[in-house]
PDB file of all heavy atoms in Angstrom:
ATOM      1  N   PHE A   1       5.939 -48.088  17.807  1.00  0.00           N
ATOM      2  CA  PHE A   1       4.751 -47.460  18.373  1.00  0.00           C
ATOM      3  C   PHE A   1       4.813 -47.496  19.935  1.00  0.00           C
ATOM      4  O   PHE A   1       4.587 -46.485  20.587  1.00  0.00           O
ATOM      5  CB  PHE A   1       3.489 -48.204  17.910  1.00  0.00           C
ATOM      6  CG  PHE A   1       2.216 -47.740  18.568  1.00  0.00           C
ATOM      7  CD1 PHE A   1       1.550 -46.619  18.111  1.00  0.00           C
ATOM      8  CD2 PHE A   1       1.663 -48.463  19.616  1.00  0.00           C
ATOM      9  CE1 PHE A   1       0.374 -46.196  18.721  1.00  0.00           C
ATOM     10  CE2 PHE A   1       0.528 -48.028  20.235  1.00  0.00           C
ATOM     11  CZ  PHE A   1      -0.155 -46.875  19.777  1.00  0.00           C
ATOM     12  N   VAL A   2       5.135 -48.715  20.447  1.00  0.00           N
ATOM     13  CA  VAL A   2       5.278 -48.847  21.919  1.00  0.00           C
ATOM     14  C   VAL A   2       6.404 -47.991  22.427  1.00  0.00           C
ATOM     15  O   VAL A   2       6.279 -47.302  23.469  1.00  0.00           O
ATOM     16  CB  VAL A   2       5.537 -50.308  22.288  1.00  0.00           C
ATOM     17  CG1 VAL A   2       5.862 -50.471  23.740  1.00  0.00           C
ATOM     18  CG2 VAL A   2       4.348 -51.189  21.898  1.00  0.00           C
ATOM     19  N   ALA A   3       7.550 -47.955  21.719  1.00  0.00           N
ATOM     20  CA  ALA A   3       8.696 -47.153  22.141  1.00  0.00           C
ATOM     21  C   ALA A   3       8.337 -45.664  22.211  1.00  0.00           C
ATOM     22  O   ALA A   3       8.748 -44.968  23.174  1.00  0.00           O
ATOM     23  CB  ALA A   3       9.852 -47.383  21.196  1.00  0.00           C
ATOM     24  N   ALA A   4       7.600 -45.215  21.228  1.00  0.00           N
ATOM     25  CA  ALA A   4       7.263 -43.772  21.201  1.00  0.00           C
ATOM     26  C   ALA A   4       6.368 -43.425  22.360  1.00  0.00           C
ATOM     27  O   ALA A   4       6.544 -42.373  23.008  1.00  0.00           O
ATOM     28  CB  ALA A   4       6.539 -43.448  19.863  1.00  0.00           C
ATOM     29  N   ARG A   5       5.394 -44.260  22.693  1.00  0.00           N
ATOM     30  CA  ARG A   5       4.493 -44.024  23.811  1.00  0.00           C
ATOM     31  C   ARG A   5       5.293 -44.079  25.109  1.00  0.00           C
ATOM     32  O   ARG A   5       5.061 -43.257  26.029  1.00  0.00           O
ATOM     33  CB  ARG A   5       3.356 -45.031  23.828  1.00  0.00           C
ATOM     34  CG  ARG A   5       2.454 -44.982  22.629  1.00  0.00           C
ATOM     35  CD  ARG A   5       1.767 -43.614  22.486  1.00  0.00           C
ATOM     36  NE  ARG A   5       0.952 -43.478  21.298  1.00  0.00           N
ATOM     37  CZ  ARG A   5       1.366 -43.171  20.100  1.00  0.00           C
ATOM     38  NH1 ARG A   5       2.669 -42.917  19.892  1.00  0.00           N
ATOM     39  NH2 ARG A   5       0.521 -43.073  19.105  1.00  0.00           N
ATOM     40  N   TYR A   6       6.168 -45.064  25.244  1.00  0.00           N
ATOM     41  CA  TYR A   6       6.967 -45.190  26.462  1.00  0.00           C
ATOM     42  C   TYR A   6       7.860 -43.937  26.645  1.00  0.00           C
ATOM     43  O   TYR A   6       7.901 -43.342  27.760  1.00  0.00           O
ATOM     44  CB  TYR A   6       7.857 -46.433  26.394  1.00  0.00           C
ATOM     45  CG  TYR A   6       8.771 -46.569  27.555  1.00  0.00           C
ATOM     46  CD1 TYR A   6       8.401 -47.307  28.678  1.00  0.00           C
ATOM     47  CD2 TYR A   6      10.039 -45.977  27.547  1.00  0.00           C
ATOM     48  CE1 TYR A   6       9.275 -47.429  29.781  1.00  0.00           C
ATOM     49  CE2 TYR A   6      10.907 -46.083  28.660  1.00  0.00           C
ATOM     50  CZ  TYR A   6      10.477 -46.794  29.753  1.00  0.00           C
ATOM     51  OH  TYR A   6      11.318 -46.931  30.840  1.00  0.00           O
ATOM     52  N   ASN A   7       8.570 -43.534  25.615  1.00  0.00           N
ATOM     53  CA  ASN A   7       9.485 -42.409  25.705  1.00  0.00           C
ATOM     54  C   ASN A   7       8.734 -41.122  26.080  1.00  0.00           C
ATOM     55  O   ASN A   7       9.241 -40.334  26.857  1.00  0.00           O
ATOM     56  CB  ASN A   7      10.198 -42.208  24.374  1.00  0.00           C
ATOM     57  CG  ASN A   7      11.124 -43.405  24.070  1.00  0.00           C
ATOM     58  OD1 ASN A   7      11.504 -44.189  24.940  1.00  0.00           O
ATOM     59  ND2 ASN A   7      11.488 -43.561  22.797  1.00  0.00           N
ATOM     60  N   LYS A   8       7.562 -40.966  25.532  1.00  0.00           N
ATOM     61  CA  LYS A   8       6.738 -39.779  25.852  1.00  0.00           C
ATOM     62  C   LYS A   8       6.310 -39.762  27.284  1.00  0.00           C
ATOM     63  O   LYS A   8       6.412 -38.734  27.988  1.00  0.00           O
ATOM     64  CB  LYS A   8       5.509 -39.732  24.931  1.00  0.00           C
ATOM     65  CG  LYS A   8       4.673 -38.480  25.115  1.00  0.00           C
ATOM     66  CD  LYS A   8       3.521 -38.470  24.124  1.00  0.00           C
ATOM     67  CE  LYS A   8       2.647 -37.196  24.287  1.00  0.00           C
ATOM     68  NZ  LYS A   8       1.545 -37.166  23.315  1.00  0.00           N
ATOM     69  N   LEU A   9       5.878 -40.931  27.782  1.00  0.00           N
ATOM     70  CA  LEU A   9       5.440 -41.056  29.179  1.00  0.00           C
ATOM     71  C   LEU A   9       6.573 -40.783  30.131  1.00  0.00           C
ATOM     72  O   LEU A   9       6.423 -39.988  31.104  1.00  0.00           O
ATOM     73  CB  LEU A   9       4.855 -42.462  29.431  1.00  0.00           C
ATOM     74  CG  LEU A   9       4.528 -42.788  30.887  1.00  0.00           C
ATOM     75  CD1 LEU A   9       3.449 -41.859  31.431  1.00  0.00           C
ATOM     76  CD2 LEU A   9       4.096 -44.245  31.003  1.00  0.00           C
ATOM     77  N   PHE A  10       7.745 -41.396  29.893  1.00  0.00           N
ATOM     78  CA  PHE A  10       8.842 -41.285  30.882  1.00  0.00           C
ATOM     79  C   PHE A  10       9.581 -39.931  30.770  1.00  0.00           C
ATOM     80  O   PHE A  10      10.289 -39.545  31.684  1.00  0.00           O
ATOM     81  CB  PHE A  10       9.815 -42.446  30.724  1.00  0.00           C
ATOM     82  CG  PHE A  10       9.423 -43.601  31.617  1.00  0.00           C
ATOM     83  CD1 PHE A  10       8.421 -44.491  31.190  1.00  0.00           C
ATOM     84  CD2 PHE A  10      10.037 -43.830  32.800  1.00  0.00           C
ATOM     85  CE1 PHE A  10       8.000 -45.535  31.977  1.00  0.00           C
ATOM     86  CE2 PHE A  10       9.647 -44.893  33.633  1.00  0.00           C
ATOM     87  CZ  PHE A  10       8.647 -45.735  33.229  1.00  0.00           C
ATOM     88  N   THR A  11       9.359 -39.230  29.647  1.00  0.00           N
ATOM     89  CA  THR A  11       9.856 -37.852  29.602  1.00  0.00           C
ATOM     90  C   THR A  11       9.079 -36.974  30.550  1.00  0.00           C
ATOM     91  O   THR A  11       9.619 -36.162  31.282  1.00  0.00           O
ATOM     92  CB  THR A  11       9.760 -37.312  28.176  1.00  0.00           C
ATOM     93  OG1 THR A  11      10.554 -38.116  27.298  1.00  0.00           O
ATOM     94  CG2 THR A  11      10.222 -35.862  28.115  1.00  0.00           C
ATOM     95  N   VAL A  12       7.792 -37.249  30.595  1.00  0.00           N
ATOM     96  CA  VAL A  12       6.915 -36.524  31.569  1.00  0.00           C
ATOM     97  C   VAL A  12       7.298 -36.899  33.002  1.00  0.00           C
ATOM     98  O   VAL A  12       7.233 -36.063  33.891  1.00  0.00           O
ATOM     99  CB  VAL A  12       5.432 -36.858  31.289  1.00  0.00           C
ATOM    100  CG1 VAL A  12       4.535 -36.253  32.367  1.00  0.00           C
ATOM    101  CG2 VAL A  12       5.008 -36.368  29.923  1.00  0.00           C
ATOM    102  N   LEU A  13       7.673 -38.152  33.208  1.00  0.00           N
ATOM    103  CA  LEU A  13       7.987 -38.643  34.535  1.00  0.00           C
ATOM    104  C   LEU A  13       9.413 -38.337  35.044  1.00  0.00           C
ATOM    105  O   LEU A  13       9.782 -38.713  36.132  1.00  0.00           O
ATOM    106  CB  LEU A  13       7.767 -40.188  34.593  1.00  0.00           C
ATOM    107  CG  LEU A  13       6.320 -40.626  34.385  1.00  0.00           C
ATOM    108  CD1 LEU A  13       6.240 -42.166  34.401  1.00  0.00           C
ATOM    109  CD2 LEU A  13       5.397 -40.074  35.516  1.00  0.00           C
ATOM    110  N   GLY A  14      10.231 -37.659  34.173  1.00  0.00           N
ATOM    111  CA  GLY A  14      11.509 -37.213  34.670  1.00  0.00           C
ATOM    112  C   GLY A  14      12.715 -37.536  33.822  1.00  0.00           C
ATOM    113  O   GLY A  14      13.799 -36.969  34.022  1.00  0.00           O
ATOM    114  N   ASP A  15      12.599 -38.458  32.846  1.00  0.00           N
ATOM    115  CA  ASP A  15      13.733 -38.730  31.960  1.00  0.00           C
ATOM    116  C   ASP A  15      13.975 -37.574  31.033  1.00  0.00           C
ATOM    117  O   ASP A  15      13.043 -36.874  30.631  1.00  0.00           O
ATOM    118  CB  ASP A  15      13.465 -39.980  31.115  1.00  0.00           C
ATOM    119  CG  ASP A  15      13.671 -41.267  31.888  1.00  0.00           C
ATOM    120  OD1 ASP A  15      14.073 -41.173  33.078  1.00  0.00           O
ATOM    121  OD2 ASP A  15      13.436 -42.365  31.348  1.00  0.00           O
ATOM    122  N   THR A  16      15.229 -37.353  30.653  1.00  0.00           N
ATOM    123  CA  THR A  16      15.552 -36.274  29.749  1.00  0.00           C
ATOM    124  C   THR A  16      15.524 -36.748  28.280  1.00  0.00           C
ATOM    125  O   THR A  16      15.121 -36.027  27.392  1.00  0.00           O
ATOM    126  CB  THR A  16      16.930 -35.679  30.055  1.00  0.00           C
ATOM    127  OG1 THR A  16      17.923 -36.760  30.027  1.00  0.00           O
ATOM    128  CG2 THR A  16      16.957 -35.037  31.422  1.00  0.00           C
ATOM    129  N   ALA A  17      15.958 -38.015  28.055  1.00  0.00           N
ATOM    130  CA  ALA A  17      15.973 -38.569  26.692  1.00  0.00           C
ATOM    131  C   ALA A  17      15.883 -40.082  26.746  1.00  0.00           C
ATOM    132  O   ALA A  17      16.819 -40.805  26.365  1.00  0.00           O
ATOM    133  CB  ALA A  17      17.235 -38.143  25.941  1.00  0.00           C
ATOM    134  N   PRO A  18      14.749 -40.628  27.192  1.00  0.00           N
ATOM    135  CA  PRO A  18      14.618 -42.073  27.276  1.00  0.00           C
ATOM    136  C   PRO A  18      14.582 -42.724  25.896  1.00  0.00           C
ATOM    137  O   PRO A  18      14.090 -42.118  24.909  1.00  0.00           O
ATOM    138  CB  PRO A  18      13.280 -42.264  27.985  1.00  0.00           C
ATOM    139  CG  PRO A  18      12.478 -41.052  27.642  1.00  0.00           C
ATOM    140  CD  PRO A  18      13.513 -39.944  27.577  1.00  0.00           C
ATOM    141  N   ASP A  19      15.090 -43.941  25.797  1.00  0.00           N
ATOM    142  CA  ASP A  19      15.070 -44.640  24.484  1.00  0.00           C
ATOM    143  C   ASP A  19      14.736 -46.105  24.735  1.00  0.00           C
ATOM    144  O   ASP A  19      15.607 -46.934  24.994  1.00  0.00           O
ATOM    145  CB  ASP A  19      16.441 -44.485  23.808  1.00  0.00           C
ATOM    146  CG  ASP A  19      16.341 -44.816  22.315  1.00  0.00           C
ATOM    147  OD1 ASP A  19      15.647 -45.785  21.949  1.00  0.00           O
ATOM    148  OD2 ASP A  19      16.941 -44.090  21.494  1.00  0.00           O
ATOM    149  N   PHE A  20      13.477 -46.429  24.689  1.00  0.00           N
ATOM    150  CA  PHE A  20      12.949 -47.728  24.962  1.00  0.00           C
ATOM    151  C   PHE A  20      13.589 -48.769  24.041  1.00  0.00           C
ATOM    152  O   PHE A  20      14.053 -49.836  24.503  1.00  0.00           O
ATOM    153  CB  PHE A  20      11.411 -47.740  24.791  1.00  0.00           C
ATOM    154  CG  PHE A  20      10.780 -49.079  24.971  1.00  0.00           C
ATOM    155  CD1 PHE A  20      10.319 -49.509  26.188  1.00  0.00           C
ATOM    156  CD2 PHE A  20      10.588 -49.914  23.839  1.00  0.00           C
ATOM    157  CE1 PHE A  20       9.709 -50.754  26.321  1.00  0.00           C
ATOM    158  CE2 PHE A  20      10.005 -51.167  23.976  1.00  0.00           C
ATOM    159  CZ  PHE A  20       9.566 -51.588  25.219  1.00  0.00           C
ATOM    160  N   GLU A  21      13.599 -48.494  22.720  1.00  0.00           N
ATOM    161  CA  GLU A  21      14.074 -49.494  21.759  1.00  0.00           C
ATOM    162  C   GLU A  21      15.519 -49.808  21.903  1.00  0.00           C
ATOM    163  O   GLU A  21      15.945 -50.991  21.915  1.00  0.00           O
ATOM    164  CB  GLU A  21      13.785 -48.991  20.320  1.00  0.00           C
ATOM    165  CG  GLU A  21      14.076 -50.056  19.301  1.00  0.00           C
ATOM    166  CD  GLU A  21      13.650 -49.615  17.874  1.00  0.00           C
ATOM    167  OE1 GLU A  21      13.013 -48.531  17.750  1.00  0.00           O
ATOM    168  OE2 GLU A  21      13.948 -50.337  16.935  1.00  0.00           O
ATOM    169  N   LYS A  22      16.368 -48.786  22.092  1.00  0.00           N
ATOM    170  CA  LYS A  22      17.822 -49.034  22.217  1.00  0.00           C
ATOM    171  C   LYS A  22      18.097 -49.793  23.547  1.00  0.00           C
ATOM    172  O   LYS A  22      18.937 -50.687  23.551  1.00  0.00           O
ATOM    173  CB  LYS A  22      18.574 -47.710  22.209  1.00  0.00           C
ATOM    174  CG  LYS A  22      18.651 -47.085  20.809  1.00  0.00           C
ATOM    175  CD  LYS A  22      19.469 -45.807  20.884  1.00  0.00           C
ATOM    176  CE  LYS A  22      19.550 -45.177  19.474  1.00  0.00           C
ATOM    177  NZ  LYS A  22      20.328 -43.864  19.499  1.00  0.00           N
ATOM    178  N   GLY A  23      17.373 -49.433  24.606  1.00  0.00           N
ATOM    179  CA  GLY A  23      17.567 -50.094  25.882  1.00  0.00           C
ATOM    180  C   GLY A  23      17.204 -51.561  25.774  1.00  0.00           C
ATOM    181  O   GLY A  23      17.891 -52.438  26.336  1.00  0.00           O
ATOM    182  N   LEU A  24      16.100 -51.872  25.047  1.00  0.00           N
ATOM    183  CA  LEU A  24      15.677 -53.259  24.921  1.00  0.00           C
ATOM    184  C   LEU A  24      16.639 -54.044  24.038  1.00  0.00           C
ATOM    185  O   LEU A  24      17.007 -55.158  24.385  1.00  0.00           O
ATOM    186  CB  LEU A  24      14.249 -53.276  24.284  1.00  0.00           C
ATOM    187  CG  LEU A  24      13.605 -54.661  24.144  1.00  0.00           C
ATOM    188  CD1 LEU A  24      13.400 -55.277  25.498  1.00  0.00           C
ATOM    189  CD2 LEU A  24      12.312 -54.538  23.357  1.00  0.00           C
ATOM    190  N   ARG A  25      17.047 -53.478  22.913  1.00  0.00           N
ATOM    191  CA  ARG A  25      17.919 -54.209  21.988  1.00  0.00           C
ATOM    192  C   ARG A  25      19.284 -54.548  22.615  1.00  0.00           C
ATOM    193  O   ARG A  25      19.931 -55.504  22.213  1.00  0.00           O
ATOM    194  CB  ARG A  25      18.111 -53.406  20.716  1.00  0.00           C
ATOM    195  CG  ARG A  25      16.869 -53.327  19.819  1.00  0.00           C
ATOM    196  CD  ARG A  25      17.151 -52.631  18.490  1.00  0.00           C
ATOM    197  NE  ARG A  25      15.968 -52.515  17.671  1.00  0.00           N
ATOM    198  CZ  ARG A  25      15.484 -53.505  16.902  1.00  0.00           C
ATOM    199  NH1 ARG A  25      16.128 -54.684  16.891  1.00  0.00           N
ATOM    200  NH2 ARG A  25      14.394 -53.329  16.214  1.00  0.00           N
ATOM    201  N   GLU A  26      19.720 -53.731  23.545  1.00  0.00           N
ATOM    202  CA  GLU A  26      21.025 -54.017  24.149  1.00  0.00           C
ATOM    203  C   GLU A  26      21.010 -55.234  25.066  1.00  0.00           C
ATOM    204  O   GLU A  26      22.041 -55.721  25.488  1.00  0.00           O
ATOM    205  CB  GLU A  26      21.491 -52.786  24.955  1.00  0.00           C
ATOM    206  CG  GLU A  26      22.012 -51.684  24.063  1.00  0.00           C
ATOM    207  CD  GLU A  26      23.340 -51.108  24.546  1.00  0.00           C
ATOM    208  OE1 GLU A  26      23.395 -50.719  25.732  1.00  0.00           O
ATOM    209  OE2 GLU A  26      24.303 -51.087  23.765  1.00  0.00           O
ATOM    210  N   LEU A  27      19.795 -55.727  25.404  1.00  0.00           N
ATOM    211  CA  LEU A  27      19.709 -56.857  26.308  1.00  0.00           C
ATOM    212  C   LEU A  27      19.651 -58.229  25.589  1.00  0.00           C
ATOM    213  O   LEU A  27      19.402 -59.222  26.171  1.00  0.00           O
ATOM    214  CB  LEU A  27      18.476 -56.722  27.222  1.00  0.00           C
ATOM    215  CG  LEU A  27      18.552 -55.530  28.186  1.00  0.00           C
ATOM    216  CD1 LEU A  27      17.261 -55.482  29.012  1.00  0.00           C
ATOM    217  CD2 LEU A  27      19.770 -55.620  29.093  1.00  0.00           C
ATOM    218  N   THR A  28      19.856 -58.201  24.266  1.00  0.00           N
ATOM    219  CA  THR A  28      19.861 -59.476  23.555  1.00  0.00           C
ATOM    220  C   THR A  28      21.074 -60.313  23.964  1.00  0.00           C
ATOM    221  O   THR A  28      22.085 -59.794  24.437  1.00  0.00           O
ATOM    222  CB  THR A  28      19.930 -59.269  22.034  1.00  0.00           C
ATOM    223  OG1 THR A  28      21.145 -58.543  21.709  1.00  0.00           O
ATOM    224  CG2 THR A  28      18.735 -58.466  21.534  1.00  0.00           C
ATOM    225  N   HIS A  29      20.958 -61.626  23.769  1.00  0.00           N
ATOM    226  CA  HIS A  29      22.055 -62.530  24.163  1.00  0.00           C
ATOM    227  C   HIS A  29      23.349 -62.203  23.441  1.00  0.00           C
ATOM    228  O   HIS A  29      24.421 -62.165  24.043  1.00  0.00           O
ATOM    229  CB  HIS A  29      21.624 -63.976  23.885  1.00  0.00           C
ATOM    230  CG  HIS A  29      22.709 -64.953  24.131  1.00  0.00           C
ATOM    231  ND1 HIS A  29      23.147 -65.290  25.399  1.00  0.00           N
ATOM    232  CD2 HIS A  29      23.489 -65.683  23.236  1.00  0.00           C
ATOM    233  CE1 HIS A  29      24.123 -66.200  25.288  1.00  0.00           C
ATOM    234  NE2 HIS A  29      24.348 -66.419  24.010  1.00  0.00           N
ATOM    235  N   SER A  30      23.241 -61.974  22.140  1.00  0.00           N
ATOM    236  CA  SER A  30      24.438 -61.709  21.309  1.00  0.00           C
ATOM    237  C   SER A  30      25.127 -60.424  21.759  1.00  0.00           C
ATOM    238  O   SER A  30      26.391 -60.380  21.870  1.00  0.00           O
ATOM    239  CB  SER A  30      24.084 -61.639  19.843  1.00  0.00           C
ATOM    240  OG  SER A  30      23.113 -60.628  19.626  1.00  0.00           O
ATOM    241  N   ASN A  31      24.374 -59.381  22.035  1.00  0.00           N
ATOM    242  CA  ASN A  31      24.958 -58.097  22.423  1.00  0.00           C
ATOM    243  C   ASN A  31      25.636 -58.199  23.777  1.00  0.00           C
ATOM    244  O   ASN A  31      26.767 -57.700  23.980  1.00  0.00           O
ATOM    245  CB  ASN A  31      23.918 -56.998  22.445  1.00  0.00           C
ATOM    246  CG  ASN A  31      24.475 -55.640  22.814  1.00  0.00           C
ATOM    247  OD1 ASN A  31      25.151 -54.996  21.964  1.00  0.00           O
ATOM    248  ND2 ASN A  31      24.283 -55.201  23.994  1.00  0.00           N
ATOM    249  N   CYS A  32      24.974 -58.823  24.751  1.00  0.00           N
ATOM    250  CA  CYS A  32      25.538 -58.926  26.114  1.00  0.00           C
ATOM    251  C   CYS A  32      26.767 -59.854  26.143  1.00  0.00           C
ATOM    252  O   CYS A  32      27.687 -59.605  26.925  1.00  0.00           O
ATOM    253  CB  CYS A  32      24.489 -59.394  27.098  1.00  0.00           C
ATOM    254  SG  CYS A  32      23.240 -58.139  27.476  1.00  0.00           S
ATOM    255  N   ALA A  33      26.755 -60.900  25.340  1.00  0.00           N
ATOM    256  CA  ALA A  33      27.891 -61.812  25.279  1.00  0.00           C
ATOM    257  C   ALA A  33      29.115 -61.051  24.736  1.00  0.00           C
ATOM    258  O   ALA A  33      30.238 -61.200  25.243  1.00  0.00           O
ATOM    259  CB  ALA A  33      27.604 -62.995  24.399  1.00  0.00           C
ATOM    260  N   LYS A  34      28.877 -60.211  23.748  1.00  0.00           N
ATOM    261  CA  LYS A  34      29.970 -59.379  23.190  1.00  0.00           C
ATOM    262  C   LYS A  34      30.451 -58.336  24.206  1.00  0.00           C
ATOM    263  O   LYS A  34      31.651 -58.135  24.402  1.00  0.00           O
ATOM    264  CB  LYS A  34      29.486 -58.683  21.920  1.00  0.00           C
ATOM    265  CG  LYS A  34      30.537 -57.787  21.258  1.00  0.00           C
ATOM    266  CD  LYS A  34      29.947 -57.115  20.058  1.00  0.00           C
ATOM    267  CE  LYS A  34      30.975 -56.144  19.427  1.00  0.00           C
ATOM    268  NZ  LYS A  34      30.414 -55.437  18.259  1.00  0.00           N
ATOM    269  N   LEU A  35      29.462 -57.690  24.868  1.00  0.00           N
ATOM    270  CA  LEU A  35      29.793 -56.691  25.853  1.00  0.00           C
ATOM    271  C   LEU A  35      30.575 -57.269  27.003  1.00  0.00           C
ATOM    272  O   LEU A  35      31.462 -56.616  27.564  1.00  0.00           O
ATOM    273  CB  LEU A  35      28.502 -56.055  26.419  1.00  0.00           C
ATOM    274  CG  LEU A  35      28.662 -54.931  27.425  1.00  0.00           C
ATOM    275  CD1 LEU A  35      29.337 -53.706  26.761  1.00  0.00           C
ATOM    276  CD2 LEU A  35      27.307 -54.533  28.022  1.00  0.00           C
ATOM    277  N   ASP A  36      30.283 -58.490  27.414  1.00  0.00           N
ATOM    278  CA  ASP A  36      30.975 -59.147  28.529  1.00  0.00           C
ATOM    279  C   ASP A  36      32.489 -59.218  28.312  1.00  0.00           C
ATOM    280  O   ASP A  36      33.270 -59.086  29.235  1.00  0.00           O
ATOM    281  CB  ASP A  36      30.387 -60.539  28.775  1.00  0.00           C
ATOM    282  CG  ASP A  36      31.018 -61.229  29.981  1.00  0.00           C
ATOM    283  OD1 ASP A  36      30.753 -60.751  31.113  1.00  0.00           O
ATOM    284  OD2 ASP A  36      31.747 -62.212  29.789  1.00  0.00           O
ATOM    285  N   GLU A  37      32.846 -59.414  27.059  1.00  0.00           N
ATOM    286  CA  GLU A  37      34.284 -59.468  26.752  1.00  0.00           C
ATOM    287  C   GLU A  37      34.931 -58.072  26.788  1.00  0.00           C
ATOM    288  O   GLU A  37      36.123 -57.965  27.042  1.00  0.00           O
ATOM    289  CB  GLU A  37      34.469 -60.086  25.363  1.00  0.00           C
ATOM    290  CG  GLU A  37      33.995 -61.512  25.254  1.00  0.00           C
ATOM    291  CD  GLU A  37      34.176 -62.089  23.849  1.00  0.00           C
ATOM    292  OE1 GLU A  37      34.617 -61.337  22.938  1.00  0.00           O
ATOM    293  OE2 GLU A  37      33.822 -63.290  23.629  1.00  0.00           O
ATOM    294  N   GLU A  38      34.122 -57.044  26.554  1.00  0.00           N
ATOM    295  CA  GLU A  38      34.644 -55.680  26.494  1.00  0.00           C
ATOM    296  C   GLU A  38      34.785 -55.029  27.852  1.00  0.00           C
ATOM    297  O   GLU A  38      35.501 -54.042  28.013  1.00  0.00           O
ATOM    298  CB  GLU A  38      33.707 -54.815  25.630  1.00  0.00           C
ATOM    299  CG  GLU A  38      33.651 -55.275  24.178  1.00  0.00           C
ATOM    300  CD  GLU A  38      32.647 -54.463  23.366  1.00  0.00           C
ATOM    301  OE1 GLU A  38      32.070 -53.507  23.938  1.00  0.00           O
ATOM    302  OE2 GLU A  38      32.473 -54.710  22.172  1.00  0.00           O
ATOM    303  N   ILE A  39      34.072 -55.584  28.857  1.00  0.00           N
ATOM    304  CA  ILE A  39      34.101 -54.971  30.203  1.00  0.00           C
ATOM    305  C   ILE A  39      34.548 -56.053  31.226  1.00  0.00           C
ATOM    306  O   ILE A  39      33.746 -56.472  32.067  1.00  0.00           O
ATOM    307  CB  ILE A  39      32.755 -54.375  30.584  1.00  0.00           C
ATOM    308  CG1 ILE A  39      31.607 -55.329  30.368  1.00  0.00           C
ATOM    309  CG2 ILE A  39      32.499 -53.106  29.807  1.00  0.00           C
ATOM    310  CD1 ILE A  39      30.269 -54.794  30.856  1.00  0.00           C
ATOM    311  N   PRO A  40      35.785 -56.428  31.170  1.00  0.00           N
ATOM    312  CA  PRO A  40      36.299 -57.425  32.152  1.00  0.00           C
ATOM    313  C   PRO A  40      36.299 -56.888  33.571  1.00  0.00           C
ATOM    314  O   PRO A  40      36.297 -55.661  33.778  1.00  0.00           O
ATOM    315  CB  PRO A  40      37.699 -57.741  31.648  1.00  0.00           C
ATOM    316  CG  PRO A  40      38.118 -56.443  30.984  1.00  0.00           C
ATOM    317  CD  PRO A  40      36.865 -55.942  30.311  1.00  0.00           C
ATOM    318  N   ASP A  41      36.328 -57.791  34.536  1.00  0.00           N
ATOM    319  CA  ASP A  41      36.341 -57.378  35.918  1.00  0.00           C
ATOM    320  C   ASP A  41      37.632 -56.623  36.253  1.00  0.00           C
ATOM    321  O   ASP A  41      38.719 -56.975  35.739  1.00  0.00           O
ATOM    322  CB  ASP A  41      36.215 -58.586  36.835  1.00  0.00           C
ATOM    323  CG  ASP A  41      34.845 -59.206  36.767  1.00  0.00           C
ATOM    324  OD1 ASP A  41      33.944 -58.581  36.167  1.00  0.00           O
ATOM    325  OD2 ASP A  41      34.637 -60.306  37.317  1.00  0.00           O
ATOM    326  N   SER A  42      37.506 -55.621  37.117  1.00  0.00           N
ATOM    327  CA  SER A  42      38.673 -54.898  37.591  1.00  0.00           C
ATOM    328  C   SER A  42      39.298 -55.632  38.786  1.00  0.00           C
ATOM    329  O   SER A  42      38.551 -56.067  39.661  1.00  0.00           O
ATOM    330  CB  SER A  42      38.301 -53.480  37.981  1.00  0.00           C
ATOM    331  OG  SER A  42      39.359 -52.853  38.684  1.00  0.00           O
ATOM    332  N   PRO A  43      40.603 -55.758  38.827  1.00  0.00           N
ATOM    333  CA  PRO A  43      41.238 -56.412  39.974  1.00  0.00           C
ATOM    334  C   PRO A  43      41.099 -55.625  41.279  1.00  0.00           C
ATOM    335  O   PRO A  43      41.347 -56.105  42.376  1.00  0.00           O
ATOM    336  CB  PRO A  43      42.698 -56.523  39.544  1.00  0.00           C
ATOM    337  CG  PRO A  43      42.874 -55.428  38.526  1.00  0.00           C
ATOM    338  CD  PRO A  43      41.588 -55.346  37.821  1.00  0.00           C
ATOM    339  N   ASN A  44      40.706 -54.355  41.145  1.00  0.00           N
ATOM    340  CA  ASN A  44      40.554 -53.473  42.309  1.00  0.00           C
ATOM    341  C   ASN A  44      39.162 -53.544  42.917  1.00  0.00           C
ATOM    342  O   ASN A  44      38.927 -52.859  43.941  1.00  0.00           O
ATOM    343  CB  ASN A  44      40.861 -52.023  41.918  1.00  0.00           C
ATOM    344  CG  ASN A  44      42.277 -51.854  41.340  1.00  0.00           C
ATOM    345  OD1 ASN A  44      43.211 -52.501  41.797  1.00  0.00           O
ATOM    346  ND2 ASN A  44      42.386 -51.042  40.324  1.00  0.00           N
ATOM    347  N   VAL A  45      38.239 -54.292  42.332  1.00  0.00           N
ATOM    348  CA  VAL A  45      36.867 -54.345  42.770  1.00  0.00           C
ATOM    349  C   VAL A  45      36.458 -55.752  43.195  1.00  0.00           C
ATOM    350  O   VAL A  45      36.836 -56.716  42.533  1.00  0.00           O
ATOM    351  CB  VAL A  45      35.925 -53.835  41.640  1.00  0.00           C
ATOM    352  CG1 VAL A  45      34.459 -53.897  42.080  1.00  0.00           C
ATOM    353  CG2 VAL A  45      36.295 -52.396  41.229  1.00  0.00           C
TER     354      VAL A  45
END
């Protein structure tokens, strides 16, 4: 319910396809810990 209201509001404010729920779920500890292994630091940066 919250996600639908958020997505509708931010579509009006300029987003083309906002996704509140997916954005929130990606910030869980388990997901970010896994992601950290997939995106190691670049030696050029």
